[in-house]
Amino acid sequence: MNLTRRAACLGVTSLAACGPRTADVPADLPNHVPLPGAARAPRFGDRDPVSNWSGGPAPSAYPVHGIDASKFQGSIDWRAAAAGGANFAFLKATEGGDRADEHFAEHFAAAAAAQVPVGGYHFYYFCSSPEDQARWFIRNVPRVPGALPPVLDLEWNPHSPTCVTRPPQAEVRRVVETWLSIVSQHYQQRPIVYVPIEFWRDRDVTRLPADYWLRSVARHPDEAFPGSSWQFWQYSATGQVQGVSGDCDLNVFGGSESLWRRWLSARRYR
């Protein structure tokens, strides 16, 4: 991976002056994401389901389910996915300071057309500055009214050909808080942080200025992440969803449908 050159202007104020212009964002994204109707009951399958969940309710106890996707899912029939119970979707948009998911714009536009609340996520790369990575995400993910908040994906990538560094806890917290600060000020929205159990355990990223989306595919997050507060739970990587070829990540929102509606109303871009 070729790292981006550090720009001379770094702060949030500088982003407005020398950050991305309209021509930098994908031209085929919609100008808004419509508010969906009532939550659809999930009709998801699972190629490798968990038979007994420990520590809390099974995913089936939650009324609002959704998916996340990237280029690895290829093209998706979003109307079929919505009909099958995909009530929200998080889409990979960017990675590091110079990589963009080539299916992001396609997925975003089609999900919005199917009235699926949708937003983008950034895979953090620990060999590039948080300022560069925040600018790259902003360049590729425009602020579309009705879209979900920005997401920061924090996980180790031992298979990376260029970066397997694992910074100490203090450095992780510093760069993460820098990225969150720049992005939250640009979008005027509190971000979401996605964390698997191994990253949480290794670097203790509790109490960040963000909502949490936790990955736990064998135990309820209340047991796997004791003492945590979470909004989204990724419970499977082997889901089978209408309109999606192959395996798909499955998620739930951690509350009732009425709480989902309130959260969505408050957290969508204006």
Protein backbone atom coordinates (compact mmCIF):
# COMPACT_ATOMS: atom_id res chain seq x y z
CA MET A 1 0.00 0.00 0.00
CA ASN A 2 1.31 3.45 -0.92
CA LEU A 3 0.89 5.79 2.01
CA THR A 4 -0.50 9.23 1.28
CA ARG A 5 1.75 12.26 1.67
CA ARG A 6 1.02 14.21 4.82
CA ALA A 7 -0.63 17.48 3.85
CA ALA A 8 0.57 20.76 5.24
CA CYS A 9 -2.77 21.62 6.81
CA LEU A 10 -3.87 19.33 9.64
CA GLY A 11 -6.57 20.82 11.84
CA VAL A 12 -10.33 20.78 11.43
CA THR A 13 -10.27 24.45 10.46
CA SER A 14 -7.79 23.58 7.73
CA LEU A 15 -10.06 20.85 6.41
CA ALA A 16 -12.57 23.49 5.37
CA ALA A 17 -9.85 25.43 3.56
CA CYS A 18 -7.86 22.68 1.84
CA GLY A 19 -9.99 19.56 2.28
CA PRO A 20 -12.06 17.79 -0.37
CA ARG A 21 -14.18 19.73 -2.82
CA THR A 22 -17.45 18.66 -4.36
CA ALA A 23 -15.72 17.03 -7.33
CA ASP A 24 -13.81 14.69 -5.01
CA VAL A 25 -16.86 12.77 -3.76
CA PRO A 26 -18.53 10.01 -5.79
CA ALA A 27 -20.89 11.64 -8.27
CA ASP A 28 -23.42 8.81 -8.30
CA LEU A 29 -24.43 8.93 -4.62
CA PRO A 30 -28.00 10.04 -3.86
CA ASN A 31 -28.64 13.45 -2.32
CA HIS A 32 -30.53 11.94 0.64
CA VAL A 33 -31.44 8.66 2.33
CA PRO A 34 -35.19 8.41 2.99
CA LEU A 35 -36.54 7.55 6.42
CA PRO A 36 -37.66 3.91 6.35
CA GLY A 37 -41.03 2.54 7.39
CA ALA A 38 -41.63 -0.04 10.11
CA ALA A 39 -38.80 -2.46 10.86
CA ARG A 40 -38.93 -5.65 8.82
CA ALA A 41 -38.62 -8.98 10.63
CA PRO A 42 -35.38 -10.74 9.67
CA ARG A 43 -35.52 -13.84 7.51
CA PHE A 44 -31.78 -14.41 7.60
CA GLY A 45 -30.14 -17.79 7.47
CA ASP A 46 -26.77 -18.73 8.92
CA ARG A 47 -24.32 -21.22 7.48
CA ASP A 48 -22.70 -21.80 10.90
CA PRO A 49 -25.20 -20.75 13.58
CA VAL A 50 -24.56 -20.65 17.32
CA SER A 51 -26.94 -23.04 19.07
CA ASN A 52 -26.67 -21.66 22.60
CA TRP A 53 -25.83 -18.03 23.37
CA SER A 54 -24.42 -17.26 26.80
CA GLY A 55 -24.54 -14.06 28.79
CA GLY A 56 -27.70 -12.53 27.39
CA PRO A 57 -30.53 -12.81 24.87
CA ALA A 58 -29.94 -14.50 21.53
CA PRO A 59 -29.89 -12.22 18.46
CA SER A 60 -33.41 -13.40 17.59
CA ALA A 61 -34.69 -11.54 20.66
CA TYR A 62 -33.87 -8.19 19.04
CA PRO A 63 -36.38 -6.76 16.55
CA VAL A 64 -34.04 -4.64 14.38
CA HIS A 65 -31.46 -6.49 12.29
CA GLY A 66 -29.06 -5.28 9.62
CA ILE A 67 -25.95 -6.15 7.65
CA ASP A 68 -22.54 -4.78 6.75
CA ALA A 69 -20.94 -5.22 3.36
CA SER A 70 -17.93 -4.44 1.23
CA LYS A 71 -16.57 -5.26 -2.22
CA PHE A 72 -16.33 -8.91 -1.16
CA GLN A 73 -20.11 -9.21 -1.39
CA GLY A 74 -20.04 -7.98 -4.99
CA SER A 75 -23.28 -6.52 -6.29
CA ILE A 76 -26.24 -6.78 -3.93
CA ASP A 77 -29.97 -6.79 -4.66
CA TRP A 78 -30.80 -4.29 -1.94
CA ARG A 79 -34.56 -4.46 -2.43
CA ALA A 80 -34.40 -8.21 -1.81
CA ALA A 81 -32.11 -7.68 1.19
CA ALA A 82 -34.52 -5.10 2.62
CA ALA A 83 -37.48 -7.43 2.11
CA GLY A 84 -35.49 -10.14 3.88
CA GLY A 85 -35.02 -8.02 7.00
CA ALA A 86 -32.00 -5.77 6.42
CA ASN A 87 -33.13 -2.69 8.35
CA PHE A 88 -29.75 -0.94 8.18
CA ALA A 89 -26.42 -1.36 6.41
CA PHE A 90 -22.88 -0.28 7.16
CA LEU A 91 -20.69 -0.22 4.06
CA LYS A 92 -16.93 -0.23 3.80
CA ALA A 93 -15.87 3.06 2.22
CA THR A 94 -12.16 3.53 2.88
CA GLU A 95 -9.03 1.98 4.38
CA GLY A 96 -5.93 3.78 5.54
CA GLY A 97 -5.07 6.95 3.67
CA ASP A 98 -5.35 5.84 0.05
CA ARG A 99 -7.65 2.85 -0.45
CA ALA A 100 -11.35 3.07 -1.31
CA ASP A 101 -13.87 0.28 -1.69
CA GLU A 102 -14.89 0.22 -5.35
CA HIS A 103 -18.41 -0.99 -4.53
CA PHE A 104 -19.18 1.70 -1.93
CA ALA A 105 -21.02 4.15 -4.19
CA GLU A 106 -22.99 1.36 -5.88
CA HIS A 107 -24.01 -0.19 -2.56
CA PHE A 108 -24.83 3.17 -0.97
CA ALA A 109 -27.07 4.35 -3.81
CA ALA A 110 -28.93 1.05 -4.15
CA ALA A 111 -29.45 0.67 -0.39
CA ALA A 112 -30.80 4.21 -0.13
CA ALA A 113 -33.15 3.54 -3.07
CA ALA A 114 -34.43 0.48 -1.19
CA GLN A 115 -35.05 2.69 1.90
CA VAL A 116 -32.36 0.94 3.93
CA PRO A 117 -30.64 3.36 6.36
CA VAL A 118 -27.02 3.27 5.26
CA GLY A 119 -23.64 4.71 6.18
CA GLY A 120 -19.92 4.27 5.52
CA TYR A 121 -17.10 2.87 7.61
CA HIS A 122 -13.34 3.35 7.61
CA PHE A 123 -10.86 0.54 8.31
CA TYR A 124 -8.07 2.09 10.38
CA TYR A 125 -4.47 1.50 9.28
CA PHE A 126 -1.87 1.90 12.02
CA CYS A 127 0.92 2.94 9.66
CA SER A 128 -0.68 6.18 8.45
CA SER A 129 -1.57 9.35 10.34
CA PRO A 130 -5.10 9.83 11.70
CA GLU A 131 -5.26 13.23 9.97
CA ASP A 132 -4.56 11.70 6.56
CA GLN A 133 -7.07 8.93 7.18
CA ALA A 134 -9.79 11.31 8.36
CA ARG A 135 -9.31 13.45 5.24
CA TRP A 136 -9.45 10.37 3.03
CA PHE A 137 -12.73 9.23 4.59
CA ILE A 138 -14.23 12.72 4.26
CA ARG A 139 -13.11 12.88 0.62
CA ASN A 140 -14.91 9.63 -0.20
CA VAL A 141 -17.98 9.76 2.05
CA PRO A 142 -20.05 12.91 1.52
CA ARG A 143 -22.47 14.13 4.15
CA VAL A 144 -25.72 12.82 2.67
CA PRO A 145 -28.86 13.85 4.64
CA GLY A 146 -30.49 10.82 6.21
CA ALA A 147 -27.32 8.68 6.21
CA LEU A 148 -26.06 6.85 9.29
CA PRO A 149 -23.14 8.24 11.35
CA PRO A 150 -19.55 7.55 10.27
CA VAL A 151 -17.96 4.36 11.60
CA LEU A 152 -14.34 3.67 12.58
CA ASP A 153 -13.37 0.00 12.29
CA LEU A 154 -10.65 -0.90 14.82
CA GLU A 155 -9.05 -4.31 14.49
CA TRP A 156 -5.64 -5.84 14.02
CA ASN A 157 -4.75 -7.01 10.52
CA PRO A 158 -2.06 -9.68 10.83
CA HIS A 159 -2.33 -10.46 7.10
CA SER A 160 -1.50 -6.96 5.89
CA PRO A 161 1.42 -7.00 3.40
CA THR A 162 2.63 -3.59 4.56
CA CYS A 163 1.59 -2.93 8.17
CA VAL A 164 1.37 -5.36 11.07
CA THR A 165 2.38 -2.88 13.77
CA ARG A 166 0.41 -2.92 17.02
CA PRO A 167 0.98 0.41 18.79
CA PRO A 168 0.79 0.62 22.58
CA GLN A 169 -2.47 1.54 24.28
CA ALA A 170 -1.68 5.23 24.74
CA GLU A 171 -0.78 5.67 21.07
CA VAL A 172 -3.87 3.80 19.92
CA ARG A 173 -6.06 6.03 22.03
CA ARG A 174 -4.33 9.19 20.76
CA VAL A 175 -4.73 8.40 17.06
CA VAL A 176 -8.27 7.11 17.47
CA GLU A 177 -9.38 10.21 19.35
CA THR A 178 -7.75 12.42 16.70
CA TRP A 179 -9.63 10.64 13.89
CA LEU A 180 -12.91 10.76 15.81
CA SER A 181 -12.51 14.47 16.57
CA ILE A 182 -11.86 15.47 12.94
CA VAL A 183 -14.62 13.29 11.53
CA SER A 184 -17.23 14.20 14.13
CA GLN A 185 -16.64 17.91 13.58
CA HIS A 186 -16.90 17.55 9.81
CA TYR A 187 -20.12 15.52 9.84
CA GLN A 188 -21.51 17.14 13.00
CA GLN A 189 -22.35 13.67 14.24
CA ARG A 190 -21.02 11.38 16.98
CA PRO A 191 -19.21 8.47 15.24
CA ILE A 192 -19.59 4.76 15.89
CA VAL A 193 -16.59 2.58 16.75
CA TYR A 194 -16.54 -1.06 15.64
CA VAL A 195 -14.42 -3.30 17.90
CA PRO A 196 -13.83 -7.08 18.01
CA ILE A 197 -13.10 -8.71 21.34
CA GLU A 198 -9.35 -9.19 20.73
CA PHE A 199 -8.76 -5.50 20.02
CA TRP A 200 -10.90 -4.47 23.00
CA ARG A 201 -8.96 -6.82 25.26
CA ASP A 202 -5.53 -5.82 23.91
CA ARG A 203 -5.97 -2.03 23.90
CA ASP A 204 -8.85 -1.17 26.27
CA VAL A 205 -10.67 1.31 24.05
CA THR A 206 -13.49 1.94 26.50
CA ARG A 207 -14.95 5.41 27.08
CA LEU A 208 -14.23 6.81 23.63
CA PRO A 209 -16.39 9.74 22.41
CA ALA A 210 -18.41 7.38 20.25
CA ASP A 211 -21.18 4.81 20.17
CA TYR A 212 -20.06 1.19 20.10
CA TRP A 213 -20.62 -1.59 17.58
CA LEU A 214 -19.23 -4.79 19.10
CA ARG A 215 -18.32 -8.05 17.40
CA SER A 216 -19.01 -11.23 19.36
CA VAL A 217 -19.88 -14.38 17.42
CA ALA A 218 -20.08 -16.87 20.31
CA ARG A 219 -21.25 -14.92 23.37
CA HIS A 220 -23.61 -12.05 24.07
CA PRO A 221 -21.65 -8.77 24.18
CA ASP A 222 -22.70 -8.16 27.79
CA GLU A 223 -20.60 -11.22 28.68
CA ALA A 224 -17.83 -10.80 26.11
CA PHE A 225 -17.40 -7.05 26.83
CA PRO A 226 -18.30 -6.76 30.54
CA GLY A 227 -19.35 -3.31 31.64
CA SER A 228 -19.67 -2.00 28.08
CA SER A 229 -22.46 0.06 26.60
CA TRP A 230 -23.27 -0.80 23.00
CA GLN A 231 -25.67 0.16 20.24
CA PHE A 232 -24.90 -2.52 17.63
CA TRP A 233 -23.85 -6.16 17.89
CA GLN A 234 -22.27 -8.12 15.04
CA TYR A 235 -23.18 -11.70 15.87
CA SER A 236 -22.29 -13.67 12.73
CA ALA A 237 -19.92 -13.61 9.77
CA THR A 238 -21.67 -16.52 8.04
CA GLY A 239 -25.12 -15.06 7.45
CA GLN A 240 -27.25 -15.90 4.45
CA VAL A 241 -29.30 -12.90 3.30
CA GLN A 242 -31.71 -12.49 0.41
CA GLY A 243 -30.08 -10.58 -2.42
CA VAL A 244 -26.53 -11.25 -1.19
CA SER A 245 -24.29 -13.90 -2.72
CA GLY A 246 -22.24 -15.87 -0.21
CA ASP A 247 -21.65 -15.14 3.44
CA CYS A 248 -22.66 -11.81 4.97
CA ASP A 249 -22.11 -10.25 8.41
CA LEU A 250 -25.26 -10.07 10.54
CA ASN A 251 -25.98 -7.41 13.17
CA VAL A 252 -28.66 -6.23 15.55
CA PHE A 253 -29.51 -2.88 17.07
CA GLY A 254 -29.48 -3.22 20.86
CA GLY A 255 -32.98 -2.04 21.67
CA SER A 256 -36.66 -2.03 20.81
CA GLU A 257 -38.08 -0.85 17.51
CA SER A 258 -39.32 2.36 19.13
CA LEU A 259 -35.82 2.99 20.53
CA TRP A 260 -34.41 2.34 17.07
CA ARG A 261 -36.73 4.93 15.57
CA ARG A 262 -35.68 7.48 18.18
CA TRP A 263 -31.98 6.68 17.71
CA LEU A 264 -32.32 6.88 13.94
CA SER A 265 -34.18 10.18 14.07
CA ALA A 266 -31.49 11.70 16.29
CA ARG A 267 -28.45 10.23 14.54
CA ARG A 268 -29.19 10.66 10.84
CA TYR A 269 -27.35 13.45 9.04
CA ARG A 270 -29.38 16.63 8.67
